[in-house]
Protein backbone atom coordinates (compact mmCIF):
# COMPACT_ATOMS: atom_id res chain seq x y z
CA MET A 1 6.15 24.60 24.10
CA SER A 2 7.42 23.83 27.75
CA ALA A 3 10.93 24.44 27.05
CA LEU A 4 13.14 26.13 24.13
CA PRO A 5 15.03 23.39 22.16
CA ASP A 6 18.99 23.07 22.43
CA PHE A 7 19.36 21.81 18.98
CA PRO A 8 22.71 19.29 18.46
CA ALA A 9 25.12 20.78 16.24
CA LEU A 10 25.06 18.98 12.83
CA ARG A 11 27.74 16.11 12.35
CA PHE A 12 28.80 14.82 8.93
CA PRO A 13 29.61 11.25 8.91
CA ASP A 14 33.00 10.49 9.33
CA GLY A 15 35.57 11.96 7.08
CA LEU A 16 33.43 14.77 5.69
CA ASP A 17 32.97 18.04 6.73
CA ALA A 18 30.73 20.72 5.09
CA GLN A 19 33.03 21.79 2.55
CA GLY A 20 33.29 18.16 1.56
CA PHE A 21 29.65 17.99 1.34
CA LEU A 22 29.26 20.51 -0.72
CA ALA A 23 31.78 19.34 -3.16
CA ARG A 24 30.95 15.90 -3.34
CA TYR A 25 27.08 15.48 -2.46
CA TRP A 26 25.47 18.91 -3.04
CA GLN A 27 23.20 18.67 -5.65
CA ARG A 28 24.97 15.57 -6.92
CA GLN A 29 23.88 12.49 -5.02
CA PRO A 30 22.08 11.84 -1.83
CA LEU A 31 23.71 11.19 1.35
CA LEU A 32 22.37 9.15 4.53
CA MET A 33 23.79 10.75 7.44
CA ARG A 34 23.30 8.65 10.32
CA GLN A 35 22.92 10.57 13.98
CA ALA A 36 23.36 13.79 12.09
CA LEU A 37 21.94 15.34 15.14
CA PRO A 38 22.99 12.85 17.83
CA GLY A 39 20.41 12.64 20.84
CA PHE A 40 18.14 14.44 19.27
CA GLU A 41 15.00 14.95 20.93
CA ASN A 42 11.68 15.96 19.40
CA PRO A 43 10.35 19.42 20.95
CA LEU A 44 7.21 19.37 19.12
CA PRO A 45 4.17 17.20 20.54
CA GLY A 46 2.04 15.87 17.68
CA ASP A 47 -0.82 17.41 19.46
CA GLU A 48 0.63 20.96 19.27
CA LEU A 49 1.44 20.28 15.68
CA ALA A 50 -2.13 19.57 15.30
CA GLY A 51 -2.91 22.61 16.91
CA LEU A 52 -1.08 24.52 14.46
CA ALA A 53 -2.75 22.74 11.57
CA CYS A 54 -6.33 24.49 13.15
CA GLU A 55 -4.92 27.98 12.74
CA PRO A 56 -6.47 29.98 9.65
CA GLU A 57 -3.13 31.42 8.61
CA VAL A 58 -1.44 28.12 8.90
CA GLU A 59 -0.90 26.29 5.48
CA SER A 60 -1.49 22.56 6.05
CA ARG A 61 -2.33 19.44 4.55
CA ILE A 62 -3.80 16.05 4.94
CA VAL A 63 -2.79 13.33 2.68
CA LEU A 64 -4.96 9.94 2.93
CA GLU A 65 -4.07 6.64 1.47
CA GLY A 66 -6.87 4.40 0.33
CA PRO A 67 -6.54 0.88 -1.44
CA GLU A 68 -7.50 1.99 -5.15
CA GLN A 69 -5.00 3.20 -7.92
CA ASN A 70 -6.23 6.66 -7.12
CA ARG A 71 -5.83 6.17 -3.46
CA TRP A 72 -3.98 9.52 -2.38
CA GLN A 73 -6.69 11.86 -1.38
CA VAL A 74 -5.99 15.42 0.07
CA ARG A 75 -7.74 17.30 2.71
CA HIS A 76 -6.90 21.12 3.34
CA GLY A 77 -6.71 23.05 6.55
CA PRO A 78 -7.45 24.57 8.74
CA PHE A 79 -8.69 21.49 10.31
CA ASP A 80 -10.76 21.05 13.60
CA ALA A 81 -10.86 18.52 16.47
CA GLU A 82 -13.50 16.50 14.69
CA ARG A 83 -11.59 16.27 11.43
CA PHE A 84 -8.73 14.56 13.14
CA ALA A 85 -11.04 12.47 15.56
CA ALA A 86 -12.26 11.02 12.21
CA LEU A 87 -9.12 9.90 11.11
CA PRO A 88 -8.79 6.30 10.48
CA PRO A 89 -6.16 4.40 12.74
CA SER A 90 -3.32 4.21 9.70
CA HIS A 91 -2.21 5.19 6.06
CA TRP A 92 -2.45 9.04 6.48
CA THR A 93 -0.07 11.96 7.19
CA LEU A 94 -0.40 15.54 8.20
CA LEU A 95 1.75 18.21 6.80
CA VAL A 96 2.22 21.71 8.06
CA GLN A 97 4.20 24.48 6.01
CA ASP A 98 6.50 26.95 7.16
CA VAL A 99 6.63 25.71 10.97
CA ASP A 100 9.89 28.00 11.36
CA LYS A 101 7.86 31.28 10.64
CA HIS A 102 4.93 30.09 12.91
CA LEU A 103 7.31 28.44 15.79
CA PRO A 104 10.53 30.71 15.82
CA GLU A 105 11.88 28.51 18.48
CA ILE A 106 11.33 25.44 16.21
CA GLY A 107 13.26 27.53 13.01
CA ALA A 108 16.26 27.88 15.14
CA LEU A 109 17.36 24.35 13.66
CA LEU A 110 17.87 26.03 10.25
CA GLU A 111 20.74 27.68 11.86
CA ARG A 112 22.25 24.13 11.58
CA PHE A 113 22.05 24.60 7.57
CA ASP A 114 24.32 27.88 7.79
CA PHE A 115 26.85 26.14 5.58
CA LEU A 116 24.45 27.16 2.88
CA PRO A 117 23.17 30.69 1.77
CA ARG A 118 20.27 31.97 3.58
CA TRP A 119 18.35 32.86 0.69
CA ARG A 120 18.04 29.02 -0.32
CA ILE A 121 16.73 27.82 2.89
CA ASP A 122 12.80 27.90 1.96
CA ASP A 123 11.01 26.41 4.94
CA LEU A 124 10.69 23.85 7.39
CA MET A 125 8.03 21.43 6.99
CA VAL A 126 6.86 18.87 9.89
CA SER A 127 4.75 16.24 8.59
CA TYR A 128 3.26 13.77 11.30
CA ALA A 129 2.51 10.36 9.95
CA GLU A 130 0.47 7.45 11.47
CA ASP A 131 1.49 3.66 10.64
CA GLN A 132 2.06 3.19 6.71
CA GLY A 133 1.22 6.92 6.37
CA SER A 134 2.48 8.34 3.15
CA VAL A 135 2.33 10.66 0.42
CA GLY A 136 3.48 8.26 -2.18
CA PRO A 137 6.37 7.87 -4.37
CA HIS A 138 7.23 11.40 -6.05
CA VAL A 139 10.03 13.80 -6.75
CA ASP A 140 10.71 17.48 -5.56
CA ASP A 141 11.84 20.28 -7.82
CA TYR A 142 14.45 21.40 -5.02
CA ASP A 143 17.00 19.76 -2.46
CA VAL A 144 15.90 18.60 0.81
CA PHE A 145 17.18 17.34 3.70
CA LEU A 146 14.97 14.84 5.83
CA LEU A 147 15.32 14.85 9.63
CA GLN A 148 13.64 11.96 10.96
CA ALA A 149 12.37 13.81 14.70
CA GLU A 150 10.23 10.99 16.07
CA GLY A 151 9.40 7.35 15.36
CA ARG A 152 11.05 5.63 12.23
CA ARG A 153 10.28 5.96 8.90
CA ARG A 154 11.60 3.79 5.43
CA TRP A 155 12.85 5.64 2.81
CA ARG A 156 13.16 4.39 -0.68
CA ILE A 157 14.63 6.01 -3.42
CA ALA A 158 15.26 5.57 -7.23
CA THR A 159 18.71 6.96 -8.47
CA THR A 160 18.72 5.17 -12.25
CA PRO A 161 18.98 7.59 -14.83
CA GLY A 162 16.31 7.78 -17.32
CA LEU A 163 13.28 6.62 -15.15
CA PRO A 164 9.87 7.04 -16.37
CA MET A 165 8.35 10.39 -14.75
CA GLU A 166 4.63 9.92 -15.23
CA PHE A 167 2.32 10.79 -12.72
CA VAL A 168 -0.87 9.18 -11.68
CA PRO A 169 -3.90 11.60 -13.21
CA ASP A 170 -6.35 13.34 -11.49
CA LEU A 171 -4.43 13.78 -8.17
CA GLU A 172 -4.09 16.96 -6.08
CA ILE A 173 -0.38 15.70 -5.57
CA ARG A 174 2.01 14.27 -7.84
CA VAL A 175 2.77 10.79 -7.20
CA LEU A 176 4.76 8.55 -9.75
CA LYS A 177 2.87 5.82 -11.66
CA GLN A 178 5.78 3.82 -11.94
CA PHE A 179 8.65 3.85 -9.21
CA SER A 180 11.67 1.19 -8.61
CA ALA A 181 13.83 1.86 -5.91
CA ASP A 182 17.61 0.91 -5.87
CA GLN A 183 18.10 1.92 -2.49
CA GLU A 184 16.47 1.97 1.15
CA TRP A 185 16.89 2.70 4.44
CA LEU A 186 14.99 2.90 7.72
CA LEU A 187 15.36 6.03 9.85
CA GLU A 188 15.47 6.77 13.36
CA PRO A 189 15.54 10.23 15.27
CA GLY A 190 18.31 12.57 14.92
CA ASP A 191 19.22 10.58 11.16
CA ILE A 192 19.34 12.81 8.07
CA LEU A 193 18.62 12.05 4.38
CA TYR A 194 19.87 14.37 1.73
CA LEU A 195 17.88 14.29 -1.62
CA PRO A 196 19.12 16.72 -4.60
CA ALA A 197 16.25 17.75 -6.68
CA GLY A 198 15.10 15.40 -9.20
CA VAL A 199 15.59 11.99 -7.03
CA ALA A 200 12.64 9.89 -6.52
CA HIS A 201 11.86 8.94 -2.97
CA TRP A 202 8.91 7.29 -0.72
CA GLY A 203 8.58 7.75 2.47
CA VAL A 204 6.37 5.26 4.50
CA ALA A 205 6.21 5.53 8.27
CA GLU A 206 6.72 2.13 10.46
CA GLY A 207 4.53 3.09 13.35
CA ALA A 208 3.72 6.91 14.04
CA CYS A 209 6.39 9.50 13.24
CA GLN A 210 7.39 12.50 12.78
CA THR A 211 9.23 13.75 10.05
CA TRP A 212 11.08 17.48 9.83
CA SER A 213 11.67 18.36 6.01
CA VAL A 214 14.07 21.33 5.32
CA GLY A 215 13.54 22.51 1.61
CA LEU A 216 15.61 24.52 -0.53
CA ARG A 217 14.67 27.39 -2.72
CA ALA A 218 15.29 26.98 -6.14
CA PRO A 219 13.38 29.88 -8.03
CA ALA A 220 12.16 28.81 -11.82
CA TRP A 221 14.01 31.16 -14.22
CA ARG A 222 10.61 32.04 -15.79
CA GLU A 223 9.25 32.96 -12.37
CA LEU A 224 12.27 35.10 -11.91
CA ALA A 225 12.08 36.77 -15.44
CA ASP A 226 8.54 37.59 -15.18
CA ASP A 227 8.58 39.44 -12.17
CA TRP A 228 11.88 41.30 -13.09
CA LEU A 229 10.57 42.14 -16.39
CA ALA A 230 7.26 43.51 -14.88
CA GLN A 231 9.34 45.86 -12.96
CA VAL A 232 11.58 47.13 -15.93
CA ALA A 233 8.17 47.76 -17.85
CA GLU A 234 6.61 49.45 -14.93
CA ARG A 235 9.85 51.75 -13.91
CA PHE A 236 12.06 51.75 -16.78
CA THR A 237 10.23 51.52 -20.00
CA PRO A 238 10.06 54.88 -21.96
CA THR A 239 6.68 56.61 -21.44
CA GLY A 240 4.56 57.50 -24.38
CA ARG A 241 3.83 55.78 -27.76
CA TRP A 242 4.81 54.88 -30.96
CA HIS A 243 5.63 58.11 -33.04
CA ASP A 244 6.94 58.21 -36.77
CA GLY A 245 10.22 60.15 -37.17
CA PRO A 246 11.02 62.05 -39.93
CA PRO A 247 11.05 61.79 -42.96
CA VAL A 248 7.89 59.93 -43.64
CA ALA A 249 7.66 58.08 -47.19
CA PRO A 250 4.72 56.05 -48.54
CA PRO A 251 5.75 52.63 -47.83
CA ARG A 252 6.84 50.13 -50.39
CA ASP A 253 4.46 47.52 -49.51
CA PRO A 254 1.66 48.80 -47.08
CA ALA A 255 1.36 44.99 -45.85
CA GLU A 256 4.89 44.54 -44.95
CA LEU A 257 6.63 45.03 -41.48
CA ASP A 258 9.89 46.20 -42.65
CA ALA A 259 12.98 45.88 -40.85
CA ASP A 260 13.73 49.26 -39.57
CA THR A 261 10.27 49.39 -37.91
CA ILE A 262 11.08 46.01 -36.30
CA SER A 263 14.75 47.31 -35.27
CA ALA A 264 13.07 50.74 -33.74
CA LEU A 265 10.28 49.08 -31.81
CA ARG A 266 12.67 46.33 -30.52
CA ALA A 267 15.43 49.21 -29.63
CA ARG A 268 12.92 50.89 -27.75
CA ILE A 269 11.62 48.30 -25.57
CA GLU A 270 14.92 46.93 -24.80
CA SER A 271 16.05 50.51 -23.75
CA GLY A 272 14.21 49.97 -20.39
CA LEU A 273 16.48 46.83 -19.96
CA ALA A 274 19.62 48.91 -20.51
CA THR A 275 18.13 51.81 -18.62
CA ALA A 276 17.85 49.73 -14.98
CA SER A 277 21.42 49.40 -13.62
CA SER A 278 22.88 46.61 -11.33
CA ASP A 279 21.92 48.52 -8.10
CA ASP A 280 18.04 48.43 -9.42
CA PHE A 281 18.44 44.54 -10.13
CA GLN A 282 19.85 44.15 -6.69
CA ALA A 283 17.51 46.05 -5.18
CA TRP A 284 14.35 44.25 -6.94
CA LEU A 285 16.26 40.58 -6.15
CA GLY A 286 16.44 41.50 -2.43
CA GLY A 287 12.83 42.60 -2.42
CA TRP A 288 11.62 39.53 -4.23
CA LEU A 289 13.43 37.18 -1.88
CA THR A 290 12.34 38.42 1.06
CA GLU A 291 8.30 39.15 -0.16
CA PRO A 292 6.35 36.82 2.27
CA LYS A 293 3.60 34.54 1.57
CA LEU A 294 0.16 36.56 2.30
CA ASN A 295 -0.35 34.18 5.14
CA LEU A 296 3.02 34.73 6.56
CA GLU A 297 2.77 38.79 6.68
CA LEU A 298 4.01 40.42 9.59
CA GLU A 299 1.67 42.32 12.33
CA PRO A 300 2.90 45.41 13.05
CA PRO A 301 2.16 46.76 16.82
CA THR A 302 -1.16 47.92 17.19
CA ARG A 303 0.15 51.92 17.46
CA PRO A 304 3.42 52.93 15.98
CA TRP A 305 6.18 53.51 18.66
CA ALA A 306 8.17 56.08 18.72
CA THR A 307 11.78 55.66 18.07
CA ASP A 308 13.09 56.58 21.31
CA GLU A 309 10.28 54.07 23.00
CA VAL A 310 11.75 51.42 20.90
CA ILE A 311 15.35 52.25 21.82
CA ALA A 312 14.30 52.56 25.43
CA ALA A 313 12.43 49.20 25.18
CA LEU A 314 15.66 47.37 24.12
CA ALA A 315 17.59 49.50 26.76
CA THR A 316 15.04 48.13 29.24
CA HIS A 317 14.73 44.40 28.37
CA GLY A 318 17.98 43.71 26.80
CA ARG A 319 16.95 42.09 23.85
CA PHE A 320 14.28 41.82 21.20
CA GLU A 321 13.27 38.43 19.72
CA ARG A 322 12.53 38.12 16.08
CA ASP A 323 9.36 37.40 14.67
CA GLY A 324 9.53 33.93 12.91
CA ARG A 325 7.99 35.72 9.83
CA SER A 326 10.83 38.30 9.57
CA GLN A 327 12.84 37.45 6.60
CA LEU A 328 16.02 39.65 6.48
CA LEU A 329 18.86 39.61 3.88
CA PHE A 330 21.66 42.31 2.98
CA ALA A 331 23.81 42.76 -0.05
CA GLY A 332 26.58 45.74 -0.99
CA PRO A 333 29.22 46.65 -3.25
CA SER A 334 32.48 45.88 -2.10
CA ALA A 335 33.77 49.45 -2.19
CA GLU A 336 33.91 51.18 1.22
CA GLY A 337 31.81 54.47 1.31
CA VAL A 338 28.99 52.85 -0.95
CA ALA A 339 25.64 52.32 0.54
CA LEU A 340 24.50 49.08 1.23
CA SER A 341 20.89 47.41 1.55
CA LEU A 342 19.22 45.76 4.22
CA PHE A 343 16.32 43.70 2.77
CA ALA A 344 13.46 42.97 5.15
CA ASN A 345 10.21 41.15 4.22
CA GLY A 346 10.36 42.77 0.54
CA GLN A 347 11.21 46.64 1.88
CA ALA A 348 14.78 47.91 1.31
CA TYR A 349 16.67 49.79 3.74
CA ARG A 350 19.76 51.85 2.33
CA LEU A 351 22.54 51.76 5.07
CA PRO A 352 26.33 53.61 4.83
CA TYR A 353 28.40 51.03 4.23
CA ASP A 354 30.17 50.78 7.28
CA LEU A 355 27.08 49.84 9.10
CA LEU A 356 27.81 46.27 7.43
CA PRO A 357 28.50 44.38 10.68
CA LEU A 358 25.34 45.78 11.86
CA ALA A 359 23.39 44.65 8.99
CA SER A 360 24.96 41.10 9.29
CA LEU A 361 23.90 40.82 13.11
CA LEU A 362 20.49 41.67 12.33
CA ALA A 363 20.00 39.55 9.33
CA ASN A 364 21.83 36.33 11.09
CA SER A 365 20.40 36.81 14.91
CA ARG A 366 16.86 35.65 15.67
CA VAL A 367 17.32 37.35 19.29
CA LEU A 368 19.10 40.91 19.10
CA GLU A 369 21.06 41.36 22.09
CA LEU A 370 21.45 44.98 23.47
CA GLU A 371 25.43 44.22 24.05
CA ARG A 372 25.82 43.15 20.84
CA VAL A 373 24.09 46.22 19.03
CA ARG A 374 25.48 48.78 21.70
CA PRO A 375 28.59 49.65 19.80
CA TRP A 376 26.22 51.42 16.92
CA LEU A 377 23.48 52.30 19.07
CA ALA A 378 24.22 56.10 19.49
CA ARG A 379 23.83 56.58 15.67
CA GLU A 380 20.67 58.22 14.57
CA GLU A 381 20.36 55.85 11.54
CA VAL A 382 20.59 52.85 13.65
CA GLN A 383 17.87 53.97 15.87
CA THR A 384 15.64 55.07 12.91
CA LEU A 385 16.21 51.74 11.30
CA LEU A 386 15.33 49.76 14.45
CA GLY A 387 12.35 51.93 15.07
CA ALA A 388 11.21 51.04 11.13
CA LEU A 389 11.73 47.31 11.92
CA PHE A 390 10.34 47.17 15.08
CA ASN A 391 7.11 49.12 13.89
CA ALA A 392 6.91 46.82 10.75
CA GLY A 393 6.65 43.88 12.85
CA HIS A 394 10.14 42.33 12.75
CA PHE A 395 10.61 42.14 16.62
CA LEU A 396 8.22 40.90 19.13
CA ASN A 397 6.66 43.26 21.69
CA PRO A 398 8.93 42.96 24.48
CA SER A 399 6.14 44.03 27.07
CA LEU A 400 3.74 41.19 26.19
């Protein structure tokens, strides 16, 4: 990428701001935002996106559309030049996940969506399509902002309640059997279409085009419960085994599972949940939300740096750039003097409450400027924290 992109500020339609959008449209109804990023120029050439899809650690797919009913075929990356050269002149789409994590300069676009909680932003997926390329009519389980980055794509959506949600069988992707649109638009570069979860939509390229999809994270309750209850079972459930308490008397009926036994077993198991505190839940949740996918794990430096080396490097270079795969959140009680937590790719760092502004700075900044962190730099716990984050791979080696 020849130059760092300077993304325009997000512009809502006339008469609407972020608060109005959240009150009237968010998770309620679609919204077309013409020139939401006025003057947007795509900084990601198609060949660079294709090169990214050739990397083994990058999740990518090619969706090809044929003439038959079961016409959508999926090929999974990594790809090579020969695979791209063999593609037809139309009716195919390349999709690359987590581009924001592999190219943090592209990920800077996500800052335009800071009117939403950071933990809700999942990833920036980029799709390149040749003429008539699409992934078929489908629904997503999450909200999405569809930015037209280059070329033109026609979007059709279906908002009528009670539409059938049957999918074409034997496909790797969920393509709706029936789709009847009630609205459609042709998007140009800089336009954004917001779609709440569950709205059926179908985008078809008109000529070669590129679309950036800002997907929102919507954890399934069962997924959350499974992981949290596994933590409870491992950390808080009492050890040992069942033991009959006195007095022991012959059962009224040996085949009966009596009420006292049921109650005792349930109480013992549920004692684990009672033992786990709100701080325990917070620590688990922050770790769970920042835990990276296996293909997005950080790469620590080849040798650990001493803390004073890290601080000296920051002083020398004046800044540290965050790795795009670095995911930081923070949480803390409202009472002063109580510790707060900084969550970093599944790890938790406990900090004094008065370092809340620093935790916010670290979590919100893709570039850590020396001048902004200087007020806290003399403190030993801050130096230790920066050293730990650097050695975990959150900051790029400034000497490279």
